[in-house]
Protein backbone atom coordinates (compact mmCIF):
# COMPACT_ATOMS: atom_id res chain seq x y z
CA PRO A 1 -50.97 0.20 -251.84
CA GLY A 2 -51.97 -2.55 -249.35
CA VAL A 3 -52.43 -5.02 -251.94
CA VAL A 4 -49.90 -7.88 -251.40
CA GLY A 5 -50.67 -10.14 -254.32
CA VAL A 6 -53.59 -11.28 -256.39
CA LEU A 7 -54.82 -14.94 -256.65
CA ARG A 8 -57.31 -16.60 -258.89
CA CYS A 9 -59.65 -19.19 -257.58
CA ASP A 10 -61.58 -21.28 -259.97
CA ASN A 11 -64.39 -22.99 -258.26
CA ASP A 12 -67.52 -24.11 -259.92
CA ALA A 13 -68.98 -26.07 -256.99
CA THR A 14 -72.60 -25.43 -255.70
CA HIS A 15 -71.76 -26.08 -252.06
CA SER A 16 -70.50 -23.29 -249.59
CA VAL A 17 -66.82 -24.25 -250.09
CA LEU A 18 -65.36 -20.92 -251.12
CA LEU A 19 -61.69 -22.23 -251.91
CA SER A 20 -61.22 -24.96 -254.38
CA ASP A 21 -57.61 -26.68 -255.33
CA GLU A 22 -57.54 -24.50 -258.53
CA VAL A 23 -55.91 -21.59 -257.27
CA SER A 24 -53.16 -19.54 -259.02
CA LEU A 25 -51.08 -16.59 -258.32
CA LEU A 26 -51.69 -13.83 -260.91
CA CYS A 27 -49.34 -11.31 -259.50
CA GLY A 28 -47.42 -10.41 -256.01
CA ARG A 29 -46.77 -12.80 -253.28
CA PRO A 30 -49.17 -15.48 -252.29
CA ARG A 31 -48.59 -14.81 -248.38
CA LEU A 32 -49.51 -12.15 -246.24
CA GLU A 33 -47.77 -11.03 -242.80
CA GLU A 34 -49.95 -10.06 -239.94
CA ALA A 35 -49.45 -9.10 -236.19
CA VAL A 36 -51.01 -10.69 -233.17
CA GLY A 37 -49.47 -8.73 -230.41
CA ARG A 38 -45.69 -8.85 -230.82
CA THR A 39 -45.80 -11.98 -232.77
CA ARG A 40 -45.72 -12.05 -236.53
CA VAL A 41 -48.05 -14.67 -238.48
CA GLU A 42 -47.83 -15.45 -242.10
CA LEU A 43 -50.98 -16.11 -243.75
CA GLY A 44 -51.41 -18.39 -246.63
CA LEU A 45 -54.53 -18.66 -249.00
CA ARG A 46 -56.01 -21.23 -246.51
CA SER A 47 -55.02 -19.55 -243.17
CA PHE A 48 -58.16 -18.37 -241.61
CA TRP A 49 -57.97 -15.09 -240.15
CA GLN A 50 -60.64 -12.54 -239.16
CA LEU A 51 -61.19 -10.19 -241.92
CA ASN A 52 -61.73 -7.15 -239.53
CA ARG A 53 -58.06 -7.22 -238.29
CA ALA A 54 -58.72 -4.39 -235.57
CA MET A 55 -61.75 -6.34 -234.31
CA ALA A 56 -59.87 -9.48 -234.23
CA ARG A 57 -57.41 -8.04 -232.13
CA ARG A 58 -59.80 -6.47 -229.92
CA ALA A 59 -61.80 -9.85 -229.64
CA TYR A 60 -58.47 -11.68 -228.61
CA GLU A 61 -57.44 -8.98 -226.03
CA ASP A 62 -60.98 -9.07 -224.45
CA ILE A 63 -61.08 -12.86 -224.47
CA ALA A 64 -57.57 -12.98 -222.54
CA GLU A 65 -58.82 -10.13 -219.96
CA LEU A 66 -62.49 -11.70 -219.43
CA LEU A 67 -61.01 -15.24 -218.48
CA GLU A 68 -58.72 -13.77 -215.95
CA LEU A 69 -56.31 -16.82 -216.00
CA PRO A 70 -53.32 -17.51 -214.21
CA GLY A 71 -50.06 -18.00 -215.88
CA GLU A 72 -50.33 -21.61 -215.00
CA ALA A 73 -53.69 -22.21 -216.47
CA ARG A 74 -53.68 -24.81 -219.15
CA VAL A 75 -55.83 -23.47 -222.45
CA LEU A 76 -57.03 -25.15 -225.18
CA GLU A 77 -58.19 -23.37 -228.61
CA LEU A 78 -60.35 -25.07 -230.93
CA TYR A 79 -60.75 -24.03 -234.20
CA CYS A 80 -57.76 -21.98 -233.91
CA GLY A 81 -56.78 -21.03 -237.41
CA VAL A 82 -53.46 -19.51 -237.06
CA GLY A 83 -53.38 -19.62 -233.39
CA GLY A 84 -54.51 -15.77 -232.60
CA ILE A 85 -55.94 -16.36 -229.36
CA SER A 86 -53.29 -18.80 -228.08
CA LEU A 87 -50.48 -16.56 -229.34
CA THR A 88 -52.35 -13.64 -227.47
CA LEU A 89 -52.48 -15.58 -224.25
CA ALA A 90 -48.90 -16.64 -224.33
CA ASP A 91 -47.96 -13.09 -225.13
CA ARG A 92 -49.87 -12.29 -221.80
CA GLY A 93 -47.81 -14.90 -219.81
CA ILE A 94 -50.19 -18.16 -220.19
CA ARG A 95 -47.56 -20.56 -220.30
CA THR A 96 -49.71 -23.87 -221.55
CA CYS A 97 -51.71 -23.16 -224.80
CA SER A 98 -52.82 -25.69 -227.09
CA GLY A 99 -54.50 -25.13 -230.52
CA ILE A 100 -56.46 -27.45 -232.71
CA ASP A 101 -57.61 -26.82 -236.41
CA VAL A 102 -58.29 -29.03 -239.57
CA SER A 103 -56.22 -26.91 -241.71
CA HIS A 104 -52.54 -28.31 -242.23
CA GLU A 105 -51.41 -24.63 -243.60
CA ALA A 106 -53.09 -22.94 -240.64
CA ILE A 107 -51.34 -25.19 -238.25
CA HIS A 108 -48.23 -24.91 -239.96
CA ALA A 109 -48.46 -20.99 -239.85
CA ALA A 110 -49.44 -20.97 -236.19
CA THR A 111 -46.41 -23.43 -235.54
CA ARG A 112 -44.07 -21.05 -236.96
CA ALA A 113 -45.31 -17.99 -235.51
CA ALA A 114 -44.92 -19.42 -231.97
CA GLU A 115 -41.40 -20.58 -232.44
CA PRO A 116 -39.72 -17.26 -231.10
CA LEU A 117 -41.93 -17.68 -227.83
CA GLY A 118 -39.58 -20.48 -226.78
CA ALA A 119 -40.23 -22.86 -224.14
CA HIS A 120 -44.04 -21.23 -223.36
CA ALA A 121 -45.02 -21.32 -227.26
CA PRO A 122 -48.27 -22.56 -227.83
CA ARG A 123 -48.35 -26.06 -229.38
CA PHE A 124 -50.64 -26.56 -232.24
CA ARG A 125 -51.74 -29.86 -234.11
CA THR A 126 -54.14 -30.76 -236.84
CA ALA A 127 -57.29 -32.35 -236.23
CA ASP A 128 -61.02 -31.96 -236.52
CA ALA A 129 -62.35 -30.22 -233.47
CA ARG A 130 -65.96 -31.65 -234.45
CA THR A 131 -64.81 -35.18 -233.50
CA LEU A 132 -62.97 -34.60 -230.17
CA ALA A 133 -64.46 -36.56 -227.25
CA ALA A 134 -65.21 -34.87 -223.78
CA ARG A 135 -62.29 -37.04 -222.33
CA GLU A 136 -59.67 -35.27 -224.72
CA LEU A 137 -60.97 -31.66 -223.40
CA GLN A 138 -60.61 -32.68 -219.69
CA ASP A 139 -56.93 -31.60 -219.24
CA TYR A 140 -57.70 -27.89 -219.50
CA ASP A 141 -58.80 -25.33 -217.28
CA ALA A 142 -60.10 -23.41 -220.37
CA VAL A 143 -61.57 -23.91 -223.70
CA ILE A 144 -61.72 -21.32 -226.37
CA VAL A 145 -63.83 -21.94 -229.42
CA ASP A 146 -64.00 -19.97 -232.57
CA PRO A 147 -65.78 -22.21 -235.03
CA PRO A 148 -66.62 -21.47 -238.59
CA ARG A 149 -70.03 -19.48 -239.42
CA LYS A 150 -72.15 -22.67 -239.20
CA GLY A 151 -71.24 -22.87 -235.63
CA LEU A 152 -69.83 -25.45 -233.18
CA GLY A 153 -72.18 -28.31 -233.92
CA ALA A 154 -74.34 -30.77 -231.45
CA ASP A 155 -71.39 -33.24 -230.78
CA ALA A 156 -68.78 -30.44 -230.19
CA SER A 157 -71.15 -28.66 -227.91
CA ARG A 158 -71.76 -31.95 -225.83
CA ALA A 159 -67.98 -32.49 -225.78
CA LEU A 160 -67.34 -29.08 -224.58
CA GLY A 161 -70.27 -29.27 -221.91
CA ALA A 162 -68.68 -32.29 -220.66
CA SER A 163 -65.24 -31.28 -220.48
CA GLY A 164 -65.06 -29.96 -216.90
CA ALA A 165 -63.41 -26.41 -218.06
CA ASP A 166 -63.71 -24.10 -215.55
CA ARG A 167 -63.91 -21.34 -218.15
CA ILE A 168 -65.25 -21.36 -221.77
CA ALA A 169 -64.89 -18.57 -224.28
CA TYR A 170 -67.02 -18.91 -227.44
CA LEU A 171 -65.98 -16.31 -230.43
CA SER A 172 -69.01 -16.35 -232.73
CA CYS A 173 -68.75 -15.11 -236.31
C-alpha cells in the first residue's frame, strides 16, 4: 500500500554508482512526497534521503538541539541532499541556513521545499563539497556535514578543520 511507483534502472557498471542514466518508470509516479517537520519535500530518483525516515527525523532534530544555535546563527549544510537538516533548523527559527550538494535534482527539490518558508528560507546551491576551500566556509558559525558512505575525504576534512566554525556536526552513514 505504500508503493508510489516502480522504476527500472539498467546498470551494468562495475563501480559503486547505484543509479545510471538508464531509468524508466514502469508504473505509478516517479516522485515521492516526504515531510521534514512541517515542510513538504518532493523526492525524485536522484534526491538523497535517509532510508530510515524515523531515524532521519530524529537525527535532524538531535543535531538541531545539540548545536544549541541562536536564531541569528549562520549555518552551512554540506552534502545537504534535499536539505533535511537545513529545513529542520529553519523550522526551529534559524534564519540563515545554506545548503550545498552536487545533485542538481536534490538542490531543486530543496529549493522548492524551502519556498513556503519565505524570507528566512534556507538557500541551496549546486556545488561539490569536496572541492570547497576553507575560506568558503569561514562565514559560518556552524557547519553540518552528512557525506556519502565513503566519508568526507582528506581535502574536505582539512577545509572543515580550518573553517573557524564554532560548531561542527558530522552525521555519518
